[in-house]
Amino acid sequence: MFKLISATPSPYARKVRIALLEKALPFELVTEVPWDSTTSTPRYNPLEKLPILILEDGSTIYDSSFILQFLELKYPQTPLLPVDVEGKIEALRLEVLCNGICDAVLLTFFERMRAEAAQSREWLARQRRKIEGGVREMARLVADNSFAVGREFSLGDIAVGTALGYLSVRFPEFDWRGPHPNLARFCARIEQRPSFALTVPVPQTITDKVV
């Protein structure tokens, strides 16, 4: 059985959890904060980032995108990438876009943790532009399709669904549903999927920087 070291409400770790559930791969979930004195993160990842997937032989895979690639290569049953090359490219394009949105949300979160006088308005404005631009592009790519890419559930759906869920938790004042009703419909639909329903992010005071 795998062991997944994670922190909530990390969208990066949620992607991995969803992939493991979709592929019916059993795993034990261990929740940590990587800068706590008791963390085991440095033992498994020299970069001290989460999530980390510990394999049955004790070796580790880290970086959420690499973990997903590993799972796809080693466990191709229940594929999470389209069969055709163009479909694969579009799914990976969405993952890159959604990772960037989540990165900007996380950077905003940490900047806001600083004393108000020390916060950079320019920095926060730049992150806001990234988020707004990223969500606009996400809405354009998803359009009114039943799935993010093609006609089947894929990494594209995981990326979009986890990014939207993270926005709701970490950036609730950002109204993406009003300007992008197609994303609101997509989110309502995807959150009913068992793998999403079982991994709904829970707000916490502090989160980890994970990729």
Protein backbone atom coordinates (compact mmCIF):
# COMPACT_ATOMS: atom_id res chain seq x y z
CA MET A 1 0.00 0.00 0.00
CA PHE A 2 1.18 3.50 -0.80
CA LYS A 3 1.54 6.22 1.81
CA LEU A 4 0.75 9.79 0.78
CA ILE A 5 2.13 12.60 2.92
CA SER A 6 -0.04 15.62 2.37
CA ALA A 7 -1.29 18.87 3.83
CA THR A 8 -4.78 20.24 3.52
CA PRO A 9 -6.32 22.01 1.72
CA SER A 10 -3.48 21.65 -0.81
CA PRO A 11 -4.85 21.36 -4.37
CA TYR A 12 -1.61 19.68 -5.44
CA ALA A 13 -2.06 16.83 -2.97
CA ARG A 14 -5.76 16.65 -3.76
CA LYS A 15 -4.91 15.95 -7.41
CA VAL A 16 -2.86 12.95 -6.32
CA ARG A 17 -5.54 11.71 -3.93
CA ILE A 18 -8.15 11.89 -6.68
CA ALA A 19 -5.88 10.04 -9.12
CA LEU A 20 -5.24 7.27 -6.58
CA LEU A 21 -8.96 6.92 -5.93
CA GLU A 22 -9.81 6.92 -9.63
CA LYS A 23 -7.23 4.20 -10.26
CA ALA A 24 -8.46 2.24 -7.20
CA LEU A 25 -4.95 2.21 -5.70
CA PRO A 26 -5.07 1.85 -1.90
CA PHE A 27 -3.10 4.39 0.12
CA GLU A 28 -2.67 5.68 3.63
CA LEU A 29 -3.04 9.43 4.01
CA VAL A 30 -0.66 11.18 6.42
CA THR A 31 -1.24 14.89 7.06
CA GLU A 32 1.72 17.10 7.97
CA VAL A 33 2.85 20.72 7.99
CA PRO A 34 6.35 20.62 6.44
CA TRP A 35 7.88 23.33 8.63
CA ASP A 36 6.76 21.88 11.96
CA SER A 37 9.62 20.61 14.12
CA THR A 38 8.11 17.12 14.06
CA THR A 39 7.73 16.89 10.28
CA SER A 40 9.16 13.89 8.46
CA THR A 41 9.20 15.74 5.13
CA PRO A 42 13.03 16.20 4.85
CA ARG A 43 13.48 12.46 5.34
CA TYR A 44 11.51 11.76 2.16
CA ASN A 45 12.05 14.85 0.01
CA PRO A 46 15.25 16.93 0.11
CA LEU A 47 13.24 19.88 -1.24
CA GLU A 48 10.96 19.65 1.82
CA LYS A 49 7.76 20.03 -0.19
CA LEU A 50 4.54 18.08 -0.17
CA PRO A 51 2.91 15.95 -1.44
CA ILE A 52 5.18 12.92 -1.21
CA LEU A 53 4.20 9.44 -2.34
CA ILE A 54 6.02 6.68 -0.45
CA LEU A 55 6.11 3.43 -2.39
CA GLU A 56 5.90 -0.05 -0.93
CA ASP A 57 9.69 -0.49 -1.14
CA GLY A 58 10.23 2.73 0.83
CA SER A 59 11.35 4.84 -2.13
CA THR A 60 9.64 8.16 -2.74
CA ILE A 61 8.12 10.18 -5.57
CA TYR A 62 7.55 13.91 -5.08
CA ASP A 63 6.20 16.87 -7.04
CA SER A 64 2.49 16.38 -7.75
CA SER A 65 2.87 16.48 -11.54
CA PHE A 66 5.63 13.88 -11.43
CA ILE A 67 3.59 11.69 -9.08
CA LEU A 68 0.71 11.80 -11.55
CA GLN A 69 3.03 10.90 -14.41
CA PHE A 70 4.45 8.04 -12.35
CA LEU A 71 0.98 6.68 -11.61
CA GLU A 72 -0.02 6.94 -15.26
CA LEU A 73 3.09 5.07 -16.43
CA LYS A 74 3.08 2.39 -13.75
CA TYR A 75 -0.67 1.89 -13.49
CA PRO A 76 -2.12 2.57 -16.96
CA GLN A 77 -5.41 0.90 -16.08
CA THR A 78 -8.11 3.54 -15.69
CA PRO A 79 -6.05 6.00 -17.74
CA LEU A 80 -6.21 9.66 -16.75
CA LEU A 81 -4.77 10.97 -20.00
CA PRO A 82 -6.61 10.78 -23.34
CA VAL A 83 -5.43 8.20 -25.83
CA ASP A 84 -4.78 10.68 -28.64
CA VAL A 85 -1.74 12.97 -28.60
CA GLU A 86 -3.77 16.17 -28.98
CA GLY A 87 -5.96 15.16 -26.06
CA LYS A 88 -2.90 14.49 -23.92
CA ILE A 89 -1.49 17.91 -24.79
CA GLU A 90 -4.76 19.66 -23.89
CA ALA A 91 -5.02 17.84 -20.56
CA LEU A 92 -1.43 18.73 -19.67
CA ARG A 93 -2.02 22.32 -20.81
CA LEU A 94 -4.89 22.57 -18.33
CA GLU A 95 -2.76 21.12 -15.55
CA VAL A 96 -0.04 23.74 -16.14
CA LEU A 97 -2.63 26.52 -16.23
CA CYS A 98 -4.39 25.34 -13.07
CA ASN A 99 -1.11 24.85 -11.20
CA GLY A 100 -0.25 28.46 -12.05
CA ILE A 101 -3.58 29.69 -10.71
CA CYS A 102 -3.09 27.76 -7.49
CA ASP A 103 0.47 29.07 -7.16
CA ALA A 104 -0.81 32.64 -7.44
CA VAL A 105 -3.54 32.00 -4.86
CA LEU A 106 -0.98 30.53 -2.47
CA LEU A 107 1.41 33.45 -2.95
CA THR A 108 -1.48 35.80 -2.23
CA PHE A 109 -2.33 33.86 0.91
CA PHE A 110 1.19 34.07 2.27
CA GLU A 111 1.58 37.76 1.40
CA ARG A 112 -1.59 38.48 3.34
CA MET A 113 -0.15 36.72 6.37
CA ARG A 114 2.45 39.49 6.62
CA ALA A 115 1.74 42.63 8.62
CA GLU A 116 -0.53 44.87 6.54
CA ALA A 117 2.08 47.64 6.39
CA ALA A 118 4.62 45.18 4.99
CA GLN A 119 2.39 43.81 2.26
CA SER A 120 3.15 44.72 -1.34
CA ARG A 121 0.12 46.06 -3.21
CA GLU A 122 1.98 45.60 -6.49
CA TRP A 123 2.74 41.97 -5.66
CA LEU A 124 -0.86 41.25 -4.68
CA ALA A 125 -2.16 43.00 -7.80
CA ARG A 126 0.12 40.90 -9.99
CA GLN A 127 -1.07 37.67 -8.39
CA ARG A 128 -4.67 38.83 -8.84
CA ARG A 129 -4.05 39.40 -12.55
CA LYS A 130 -2.62 35.88 -12.86
CA ILE A 131 -5.65 34.39 -11.14
CA GLU A 132 -8.16 36.36 -13.20
CA GLY A 133 -6.35 35.67 -16.46
CA GLY A 134 -5.90 32.01 -15.64
CA VAL A 135 -9.57 31.53 -14.78
CA ARG A 136 -10.65 33.30 -17.98
CA GLU A 137 -8.48 30.95 -20.00
CA MET A 138 -9.74 27.97 -18.04
CA ALA A 139 -13.33 28.98 -18.81
CA ARG A 140 -12.48 29.37 -22.50
CA LEU A 141 -10.84 25.95 -22.71
CA VAL A 142 -13.54 24.09 -20.79
CA ALA A 143 -16.41 25.95 -22.56
CA ASP A 144 -19.71 24.08 -22.08
CA ASN A 145 -18.23 20.63 -22.53
CA SER A 146 -19.24 17.75 -20.27
CA PHE A 147 -15.55 17.02 -19.65
CA ALA A 148 -12.57 19.35 -19.65
CA VAL A 149 -10.94 17.47 -22.53
CA GLY A 150 -12.67 15.22 -25.00
CA ARG A 151 -15.50 12.93 -23.95
CA GLU A 152 -14.02 11.20 -20.92
CA PHE A 153 -12.81 12.06 -17.43
CA SER A 154 -9.11 12.92 -17.41
CA LEU A 155 -6.31 14.83 -15.76
CA GLY A 156 -7.87 17.96 -17.25
CA ASP A 157 -10.96 17.48 -15.09
CA ILE A 158 -8.83 16.82 -12.01
CA ALA A 159 -6.79 19.97 -12.62
CA VAL A 160 -9.78 22.24 -13.21
CA GLY A 161 -11.85 20.80 -10.37
CA THR A 162 -9.10 21.05 -7.78
CA ALA A 163 -8.17 24.60 -8.82
CA LEU A 164 -11.77 25.77 -8.53
CA GLY A 165 -12.12 24.05 -5.17
CA TYR A 166 -8.97 25.75 -3.94
CA LEU A 167 -10.23 29.15 -5.07
CA SER A 168 -13.38 28.61 -3.04
CA VAL A 169 -11.34 27.85 0.09
CA ARG A 170 -8.40 30.23 -0.14
CA PHE A 171 -9.84 33.11 -2.19
CA PRO A 172 -13.59 33.13 -1.44
CA GLU A 173 -13.95 36.85 -2.18
CA PHE A 174 -12.98 36.23 -5.80
CA ASP A 175 -16.22 35.74 -7.74
CA TRP A 176 -15.42 33.39 -10.58
CA ARG A 177 -18.88 31.82 -10.70
CA GLY A 178 -20.69 35.00 -11.80
CA PRO A 179 -18.47 35.86 -14.78
CA HIS A 180 -17.99 32.20 -15.73
CA PRO A 181 -21.24 30.27 -15.25
CA ASN A 182 -19.89 27.41 -17.33
CA LEU A 183 -17.21 26.84 -14.68
CA ALA A 184 -19.84 27.02 -11.93
CA ARG A 185 -21.78 24.26 -13.68
CA PHE A 186 -18.63 22.25 -14.24
CA CYS A 187 -17.63 22.57 -10.58
CA ALA A 188 -21.08 21.56 -9.30
CA ARG A 189 -21.01 18.52 -11.55
CA ILE A 190 -17.44 17.38 -10.85
CA GLU A 191 -17.74 17.74 -7.07
CA GLN A 192 -20.41 15.03 -7.13
CA ARG A 193 -17.91 12.51 -8.44
CA PRO A 194 -16.91 10.13 -5.58
CA SER A 195 -13.18 10.90 -5.84
CA PHE A 196 -13.92 14.61 -5.48
CA ALA A 197 -16.57 14.23 -2.80
CA LEU A 198 -14.13 12.23 -0.67
CA THR A 199 -11.39 14.88 -0.93
CA VAL A 200 -13.25 18.16 -0.36
CA PRO A 201 -10.67 20.70 0.93
CA VAL A 202 -11.09 21.95 4.49
CA PRO A 203 -9.88 25.49 5.30
CA GLN A 204 -6.93 25.75 7.68
CA THR A 205 -4.93 28.66 9.03
CA ILE A 206 -1.70 27.60 7.37
CA THR A 207 -1.00 25.52 4.31
CA ASP A 208 2.13 24.14 2.71
CA LYS A 209 3.94 25.18 -0.46
CA VAL A 210 3.59 22.11 -2.58
CA VAL A 211 4.03 21.44 -6.29
